[in-house]
Amino acid sequence: MKKIFIVLVGLLLMVSFGCSSEEDKTASEKAKETVIEAQDKAEEMADDAATATKEAADEVQDKAEEMADDADK
């Protein structure tokens, strides 16, 4: 139990003092950039999905109109 405690304290010290403030800023900036990129990609995927859904709905509507015309004949 003592060894685990010592290891945990060592890890906490390494994490606490392992990064300088400049490295913290760099890591923070990289994290922000990653979040922004993920948001942009999500928006792009949502737009693509909306376009695909609209196209599929248009195709279904066209097919329904064709079937309605065939039923009238």
PDB file of N, CA and C in Angstrom:
ATOM      1  N   MET A   1       0.826  -1.190   0.000  1.00  0.00           N
ATOM      2  CA  MET A   1       0.000   0.000   0.000  1.00  0.00           C
ATOM      3  C   MET A   1       0.872   1.256   0.000  1.00  0.00           C
ATOM      4  N   LYS A   2       1.978   1.189   0.747  1.00  0.00           N
ATOM      5  CA  LYS A   2       2.880   2.335   0.803  1.00  0.00           C
ATOM      6  C   LYS A   2       3.497   2.610  -0.567  1.00  0.00           C
ATOM      7  N   LYS A   3       3.841   1.542  -1.276  1.00  0.00           N
ATOM      8  CA  LYS A   3       4.470   1.702  -2.588  1.00  0.00           C
ATOM      9  C   LYS A   3       3.499   2.350  -3.570  1.00  0.00           C
ATOM     10  N   ILE A   4       2.239   1.949  -3.515  1.00  0.00           N
ATOM     11  CA  ILE A   4       1.235   2.533  -4.406  1.00  0.00           C
ATOM     12  C   ILE A   4       1.070   4.020  -4.096  1.00  0.00           C
ATOM     13  N   PHE A   5       1.032   4.360  -2.815  1.00  0.00           N
ATOM     14  CA  PHE A   5       0.902   5.750  -2.402  1.00  0.00           C
ATOM     15  C   PHE A   5       2.085   6.573  -2.911  1.00  0.00           C
ATOM     16  N   ILE A   6       3.294   6.035  -2.777  1.00  0.00           N
ATOM     17  CA  ILE A   6       4.499   6.742  -3.219  1.00  0.00           C
ATOM     18  C   ILE A   6       4.467   6.939  -4.732  1.00  0.00           C
ATOM     19  N   VAL A   7       4.038   5.925  -5.448  1.00  0.00           N
ATOM     20  CA  VAL A   7       3.945   6.031  -6.910  1.00  0.00           C
ATOM     21  C   VAL A   7       2.928   7.093  -7.301  1.00  0.00           C
ATOM     22  N   LEU A   8       1.775   7.092  -6.629  1.00  0.00           N
ATOM     23  CA  LEU A   8       0.753   8.097  -6.932  1.00  0.00           C
ATOM     24  C   LEU A   8       1.237   9.507  -6.642  1.00  0.00           C
ATOM     25  N   VAL A   9       1.923   9.686  -5.520  1.00  0.00           N
ATOM     26  CA  VAL A   9       2.465  11.004  -5.189  1.00  0.00           C
ATOM     27  C   VAL A   9       3.487  11.406  -6.245  1.00  0.00           C
ATOM     28  N   GLY A  10       4.322  10.493  -6.659  1.00  0.00           N
ATOM     29  CA  GLY A  10       5.308  10.778  -7.694  1.00  0.00           C
ATOM     30  C   GLY A  10       4.652  11.190  -9.002  1.00  0.00           C
ATOM     31  N   LEU A  11       3.599  10.473  -9.380  1.00  0.00           N
ATOM     32  CA  LEU A  11       2.889  10.821 -10.611  1.00  0.00           C
ATOM     33  C   LEU A  11       2.233  12.196 -10.513  1.00  0.00           C
ATOM     34  N   LEU A  12       1.655  12.485  -9.356  1.00  0.00           N
ATOM     35  CA  LEU A  12       1.045  13.801  -9.167  1.00  0.00           C
ATOM     36  C   LEU A  12       2.082  14.914  -9.265  1.00  0.00           C
ATOM     37  N   LEU A  13       3.248  14.690  -8.686  1.00  0.00           N
ATOM     38  CA  LEU A  13       4.306  15.696  -8.775  1.00  0.00           C
ATOM     39  C   LEU A  13       4.771  15.876 -10.217  1.00  0.00           C
ATOM     40  N   MET A  14       4.904  14.779 -10.934  1.00  0.00           N
ATOM     41  CA  MET A  14       5.328  14.862 -12.330  1.00  0.00           C
ATOM     42  C   MET A  14       4.311  15.623 -13.160  1.00  0.00           C
ATOM     43  N   VAL A  15       3.053  15.351 -12.928  1.00  0.00           N
ATOM     44  CA  VAL A  15       2.005  16.039 -13.680  1.00  0.00           C
ATOM     45  C   VAL A  15       1.940  17.502 -13.292  1.00  0.00           C
ATOM     46  N   SER A  16       2.052  17.781 -12.015  1.00  0.00           N
ATOM     47  CA  SER A  16       1.951  19.167 -11.534  1.00  0.00           C
ATOM     48  C   SER A  16       3.099  20.040 -12.009  1.00  0.00           C
ATOM     49  N   PHE A  17       4.295  19.534 -11.966  1.00  0.00           N
ATOM     50  CA  PHE A  17       5.467  20.342 -12.275  1.00  0.00           C
ATOM     51  C   PHE A  17       6.135  19.962 -13.594  1.00  0.00           C
ATOM     52  N   GLY A  18       5.555  19.033 -14.300  1.00  0.00           N
ATOM     53  CA  GLY A  18       6.177  18.551 -15.529  1.00  0.00           C
ATOM     54  C   GLY A  18       6.062  19.522 -16.683  1.00  0.00           C
ATOM     55  N   CYS A  19       5.027  20.341 -16.693  1.00  0.00           N
ATOM     56  CA  CYS A  19       4.813  21.270 -17.793  1.00  0.00           C
ATOM     57  C   CYS A  19       5.072  22.695 -17.322  1.00  0.00           C
ATOM     58  N   SER A  20       5.799  23.436 -18.147  1.00  0.00           N
ATOM     59  CA  SER A  20       5.963  24.850 -17.834  1.00  0.00           C
ATOM     60  C   SER A  20       4.710  25.587 -18.281  1.00  0.00           C
ATOM     61  N   SER A  21       4.597  26.842 -17.927  1.00  0.00           N
ATOM     62  CA  SER A  21       3.407  27.611 -18.288  1.00  0.00           C
ATOM     63  C   SER A  21       3.309  27.783 -19.798  1.00  0.00           C
ATOM     64  N   GLU A  22       4.450  27.877 -20.483  1.00  0.00           N
ATOM     65  CA  GLU A  22       4.439  28.007 -21.939  1.00  0.00           C
ATOM     66  C   GLU A  22       3.888  26.741 -22.587  1.00  0.00           C
ATOM     67  N   GLU A  23       4.287  25.599 -22.070  1.00  0.00           N
ATOM     68  CA  GLU A  23       3.778  24.337 -22.592  1.00  0.00           C
ATOM     69  C   GLU A  23       2.282  24.216 -22.323  1.00  0.00           C
ATOM     70  N   ASP A  24       1.840  24.736 -21.180  1.00  0.00           N
ATOM     71  CA  ASP A  24       0.413  24.727 -20.867  1.00  0.00           C
ATOM     72  C   ASP A  24      -0.363  25.547 -21.884  1.00  0.00           C
ATOM     73  N   LYS A  25       0.168  26.728 -22.231  1.00  0.00           N
ATOM     74  CA  LYS A  25      -0.498  27.574 -23.220  1.00  0.00           C
ATOM     75  C   LYS A  25      -0.546  26.882 -24.568  1.00  0.00           C
ATOM     76  N   THR A  26       0.547  26.255 -24.950  1.00  0.00           N
ATOM     77  CA  THR A  26       0.596  25.562 -26.223  1.00  0.00           C
ATOM     78  C   THR A  26      -0.411  24.416 -26.234  1.00  0.00           C
ATOM     79  N   ALA A  27      -0.470  23.673 -25.152  1.00  0.00           N
ATOM     80  CA  ALA A  27      -1.417  22.566 -25.075  1.00  0.00           C
ATOM     81  C   ALA A  27      -2.846  23.086 -25.113  1.00  0.00           C
ATOM     82  N   SER A  28      -3.084  24.200 -24.455  1.00  0.00           N
ATOM     83  CA  SER A  28      -4.408  24.802 -24.444  1.00  0.00           C
ATOM     84  C   SER A  28      -4.795  25.269 -25.847  1.00  0.00           C
ATOM     85  N   GLU A  29      -3.869  25.896 -26.539  1.00  0.00           N
ATOM     86  CA  GLU A  29      -4.138  26.358 -27.894  1.00  0.00           C
ATOM     87  C   GLU A  29      -4.409  25.183 -28.825  1.00  0.00           C
ATOM     88  N   LYS A  30      -3.632  24.121 -28.688  1.00  0.00           N
ATOM     89  CA  LYS A  30      -3.844  22.939 -29.521  1.00  0.00           C
ATOM     90  C   LYS A  30      -5.211  22.321 -29.246  1.00  0.00           C
ATOM     91  N   ALA A  31      -5.600  22.304 -27.983  1.00  0.00           N
ATOM     92  CA  ALA A  31      -6.905  21.756 -27.621  1.00  0.00           C
ATOM     93  C   ALA A  31      -8.021  22.593 -28.235  1.00  0.00           C
ATOM     94  N   LYS A  32      -7.878  23.922 -28.178  1.00  0.00           N
ATOM     95  CA  LYS A  32      -8.883  24.803 -28.776  1.00  0.00           C
ATOM     96  C   LYS A  32      -8.980  24.576 -30.285  1.00  0.00           C
ATOM     97  N   GLU A  33      -7.826  24.463 -30.947  1.00  0.00           N
ATOM     98  CA  GLU A  33      -7.821  24.224 -32.388  1.00  0.00           C
ATOM     99  C   GLU A  33      -8.498  22.904 -32.725  1.00  0.00           C
ATOM    100  N   THR A  34      -8.235  21.894 -31.915  1.00  0.00           N
ATOM    101  CA  THR A  34      -8.845  20.594 -32.148  1.00  0.00           C
ATOM    102  C   THR A  34     -10.360  20.669 -31.996  1.00  0.00           C
ATOM    103  N   VAL A  35     -10.817  21.393 -30.997  1.00  0.00           N
ATOM    104  CA  VAL A  35     -12.262  21.546 -30.787  1.00  0.00           C
ATOM    105  C   VAL A  35     -12.892  22.290 -31.958  1.00  0.00           C
ATOM    106  N   ILE A  36     -12.247  23.341 -32.409  1.00  0.00           N
ATOM    107  CA  ILE A  36     -12.775  24.118 -33.539  1.00  0.00           C
ATOM    108  C   ILE A  36     -12.832  23.253 -34.798  1.00  0.00           C
ATOM    109  N   GLU A  37     -11.780  22.484 -35.048  1.00  0.00           N
ATOM    110  CA  GLU A  37     -11.774  21.598 -36.210  1.00  0.00           C
ATOM    111  C   GLU A  37     -12.890  20.566 -36.119  1.00  0.00           C
ATOM    112  N   ALA A  38     -13.104  20.030 -34.930  1.00  0.00           N
ATOM    113  CA  ALA A  38     -14.166  19.044 -34.746  1.00  0.00           C
ATOM    114  C   ALA A  38     -15.534  19.674 -34.984  1.00  0.00           C
ATOM    115  N   GLN A  39     -15.721  20.907 -34.511  1.00  0.00           N
ATOM    116  CA  GLN A  39     -16.993  21.597 -34.738  1.00  0.00           C
ATOM    117  C   GLN A  39     -17.221  21.848 -36.226  1.00  0.00           C
ATOM    118  N   ASP A  40     -16.177  22.291 -36.911  1.00  0.00           N
ATOM    119  CA  ASP A  40     -16.294  22.541 -38.348  1.00  0.00           C
ATOM    120  C   ASP A  40     -16.643  21.262 -39.102  1.00  0.00           C
ATOM    121  N   LYS A  41     -15.988  20.187 -38.724  1.00  0.00           N
ATOM    122  CA  LYS A  41     -16.246  18.905 -39.387  1.00  0.00           C
ATOM    123  C   LYS A  41     -17.674  18.437 -39.111  1.00  0.00           C
ATOM    124  N   ALA A  42     -18.136  18.631 -37.883  1.00  0.00           N
ATOM    125  CA  ALA A  42     -19.503  18.233 -37.534  1.00  0.00           C
ATOM    126  C   ALA A  42     -20.519  19.043 -38.336  1.00  0.00           C
ATOM    127  N   GLU A  43     -20.270  20.351 -38.481  1.00  0.00           N
ATOM    128  CA  GLU A  43     -21.169  21.186 -39.277  1.00  0.00           C
ATOM    129  C   GLU A  43     -21.182  20.739 -40.736  1.00  0.00           C
ATOM    130  N   GLU A  44     -20.012  20.423 -41.258  1.00  0.00           N
ATOM    131  CA  GLU A  44     -19.907  19.965 -42.637  1.00  0.00           C
ATOM    132  C   GLU A  44     -20.666  18.651 -42.837  1.00  0.00           C
ATOM    133  N   MET A  45     -20.514  17.750 -41.888  1.00  0.00           N
ATOM    134  CA  MET A  45     -21.213  16.468 -41.978  1.00  0.00           C
ATOM    135  C   MET A  45     -22.725  16.657 -41.873  1.00  0.00           C
ATOM    136  N   ALA A  46     -23.161  17.583 -41.026  1.00  0.00           N
ATOM    137  CA  ALA A  46     -24.591  17.855 -40.893  1.00  0.00           C
ATOM    138  C   ALA A  46     -25.140  18.427 -42.193  1.00  0.00           C
ATOM    139  N   ASP A  47     -24.391  19.329 -42.817  1.00  0.00           N
ATOM    140  CA  ASP A  47     -24.817  19.888 -44.105  1.00  0.00           C
ATOM    141  C   ASP A  47     -24.902  18.802 -45.178  1.00  0.00           C
ATOM    142  N   ASP A  48     -23.900  17.929 -45.206  1.00  0.00           N
ATOM    143  CA  ASP A  48     -23.906  16.829 -46.171  1.00  0.00           C
ATOM    144  C   ASP A  48     -25.097  15.903 -45.946  1.00  0.00           C
ATOM    145  N   ALA A  49     -25.396  15.627 -44.688  1.00  0.00           N
ATOM    146  CA  ALA A  49     -26.525  14.758 -44.370  1.00  0.00           C
ATOM    147  C   ALA A  49     -27.843  15.413 -44.784  1.00  0.00           C
ATOM    148  N   ALA A  50     -27.957  16.709 -44.558  1.00  0.00           N
ATOM    149  CA  ALA A  50     -29.176  17.424 -44.943  1.00  0.00           C
ATOM    150  C   ALA A  50     -29.350  17.403 -46.456  1.00  0.00           C
ATOM    151  N   THR A  51     -28.274  17.607 -47.177  1.00  0.00           N
ATOM    152  CA  THR A  51     -28.330  17.578 -48.634  1.00  0.00           C
ATOM    153  C   THR A  51     -28.731  16.196 -49.134  1.00  0.00           C
ATOM    154  N   ALA A  52     -28.120  15.170 -48.571  1.00  0.00           N
ATOM    155  CA  ALA A  52     -28.440  13.801 -48.977  1.00  0.00           C
ATOM    156  C   ALA A  52     -29.901  13.466 -48.667  1.00  0.00           C
ATOM    157  N   THR A  53     -30.399  13.923 -47.532  1.00  0.00           N
ATOM    158  CA  THR A  53     -31.790  13.666 -47.157  1.00  0.00           C
ATOM    159  C   THR A  53     -32.738  14.363 -48.114  1.00  0.00           C
ATOM    160  N   LYS A  54     -32.419  15.608 -48.477  1.00  0.00           N
ATOM    161  CA  LYS A  54     -33.267  16.347 -49.416  1.00  0.00           C
ATOM    162  C   LYS A  54     -33.283  15.663 -50.774  1.00  0.00           C
ATOM    163  N   GLU A  55     -32.122  15.235 -51.238  1.00  0.00           N
ATOM    164  CA  GLU A  55     -32.054  14.550 -52.529  1.00  0.00           C
ATOM    165  C   GLU A  55     -32.858  13.256 -52.501  1.00  0.00           C
ATOM    166  N   ALA A  56     -32.755  12.512 -51.418  1.00  0.00           N
ATOM    167  CA  ALA A  56     -33.514  11.266 -51.305  1.00  0.00           C
ATOM    168  C   ALA A  56     -35.012  11.552 -51.272  1.00  0.00           C
ATOM    169  N   ALA A  57     -35.414  12.596 -50.576  1.00  0.00           N
ATOM    170  CA  ALA A  57     -36.834  12.956 -50.517  1.00  0.00           C
ATOM    171  C   ALA A  57     -37.341  13.364 -51.893  1.00  0.00           C
ATOM    172  N   ASP A  58     -36.533  14.093 -52.641  1.00  0.00           N
ATOM    173  CA  ASP A  58     -36.922  14.486 -53.999  1.00  0.00           C
ATOM    174  C   ASP A  58     -37.096  13.259 -54.896  1.00  0.00           C
ATOM    175  N   GLU A  59     -36.189  12.307 -54.770  1.00  0.00           N
ATOM    176  CA  GLU A  59     -36.290  11.080 -55.563  1.00  0.00           C
ATOM    177  C   GLU A  59     -37.555  10.301 -55.218  1.00  0.00           C
ATOM    178  N   VAL A  60     -37.857  10.226 -53.938  1.00  0.00           N
ATOM    179  CA  VAL A  60     -39.064   9.508 -53.505  1.00  0.00           C
ATOM    180  C   VAL A  60     -40.308  10.211 -54.038  1.00  0.00           C
ATOM    181  N   GLN A  61     -40.303  11.531 -53.980  1.00  0.00           N
ATOM    182  CA  GLN A  61     -41.447  12.284 -54.483  1.00  0.00           C
ATOM    183  C   GLN A  61     -41.628  12.057 -55.986  1.00  0.00           C
ATOM    184  N   ASP A  62     -40.531  12.092 -56.739  1.00  0.00           N
ATOM    185  CA  ASP A  62     -40.606  11.845 -58.176  1.00  0.00           C
ATOM    186  C   ASP A  62     -41.156  10.451 -58.461  1.00  0.00           C
ATOM    187  N   LYS A  63     -40.669   9.472 -57.726  1.00  0.00           N
ATOM    188  CA  LYS A  63     -41.128   8.094 -57.923  1.00  0.00           C
ATOM    189  C   LYS A  63     -42.608   7.968 -57.574  1.00  0.00           C
ATOM    190  N   ALA A  64     -43.043   8.632 -56.517  1.00  0.00           N
ATOM    191  CA  ALA A  64     -44.450   8.582 -56.130  1.00  0.00           C
ATOM    192  C   ALA A  64     -45.325   9.216 -57.205  1.00  0.00           C
ATOM    193  N   GLU A  65     -44.865  10.309 -57.772  1.00  0.00           N
ATOM    194  CA  GLU A  65     -45.616  10.956 -58.851  1.00  0.00           C
ATOM    195  C   GLU A  65     -45.715  10.045 -60.065  1.00  0.00           C
ATOM    196  N   GLU A  66     -44.619   9.372 -60.395  1.00  0.00           N
ATOM    197  CA  GLU A  66     -44.641   8.425 -61.523  1.00  0.00           C
ATOM    198  C   GLU A  66     -45.630   7.297 -61.263  1.00  0.00           C
ATOM    199  N   MET A  67     -45.610   6.766 -60.044  1.00  0.00           N
ATOM    200  CA  MET A  67     -46.516   5.672 -59.712  1.00  0.00           C
ATOM    201  C   MET A  67     -47.971   6.143 -59.734  1.00  0.00           C
ATOM    202  N   ALA A  68     -48.220   7.377 -59.308  1.00  0.00           N
ATOM    203  CA  ALA A  68     -49.567   7.925 -59.332  1.00  0.00           C
ATOM    204  C   ALA A  68     -50.040   8.102 -60.784  1.00  0.00           C
ATOM    205  N   ASP A  69     -49.143   8.542 -61.646  1.00  0.00           N
ATOM    206  CA  ASP A  69     -49.489   8.680 -63.061  1.00  0.00           C
ATOM    207  C   ASP A  69     -49.791   7.329 -63.690  1.00  0.00           C
ATOM    208  N   ASP A  70     -48.991   6.314 -63.340  1.00  0.00           N
ATOM    209  CA  ASP A  70     -49.214   4.966 -63.866  1.00  0.00           C
ATOM    210  C   ASP A  70     -50.527   4.398 -63.359  1.00  0.00           C
ATOM    211  N   ALA A  71     -50.904   4.715 -62.152  1.00  0.00           N
ATOM    212  CA  ALA A  71     -52.151   4.208 -61.575  1.00  0.00           C
ATOM    213  C   ALA A  71     -53.354   4.826 -62.263  1.00  0.00           C
ATOM    214  N   ASP A  72     -53.208   6.062 -62.724  1.00  0.00           N
ATOM    215  CA  ASP A  72     -54.318   6.745 -63.414  1.00  0.00           C
ATOM    216  C   ASP A  72     -54.564   6.161 -64.803  1.00  0.00           C
ATOM    217  N   LYS A  73     -53.586   5.561 -65.397  1.00  0.00           N
ATOM    218  CA  LYS A  73     -53.710   5.050 -66.783  1.00  0.00           C
ATOM    219  C   LYS A  73     -54.401   3.741 -66.825  1.00  0.00           C
TER     220      LYS A  73
END
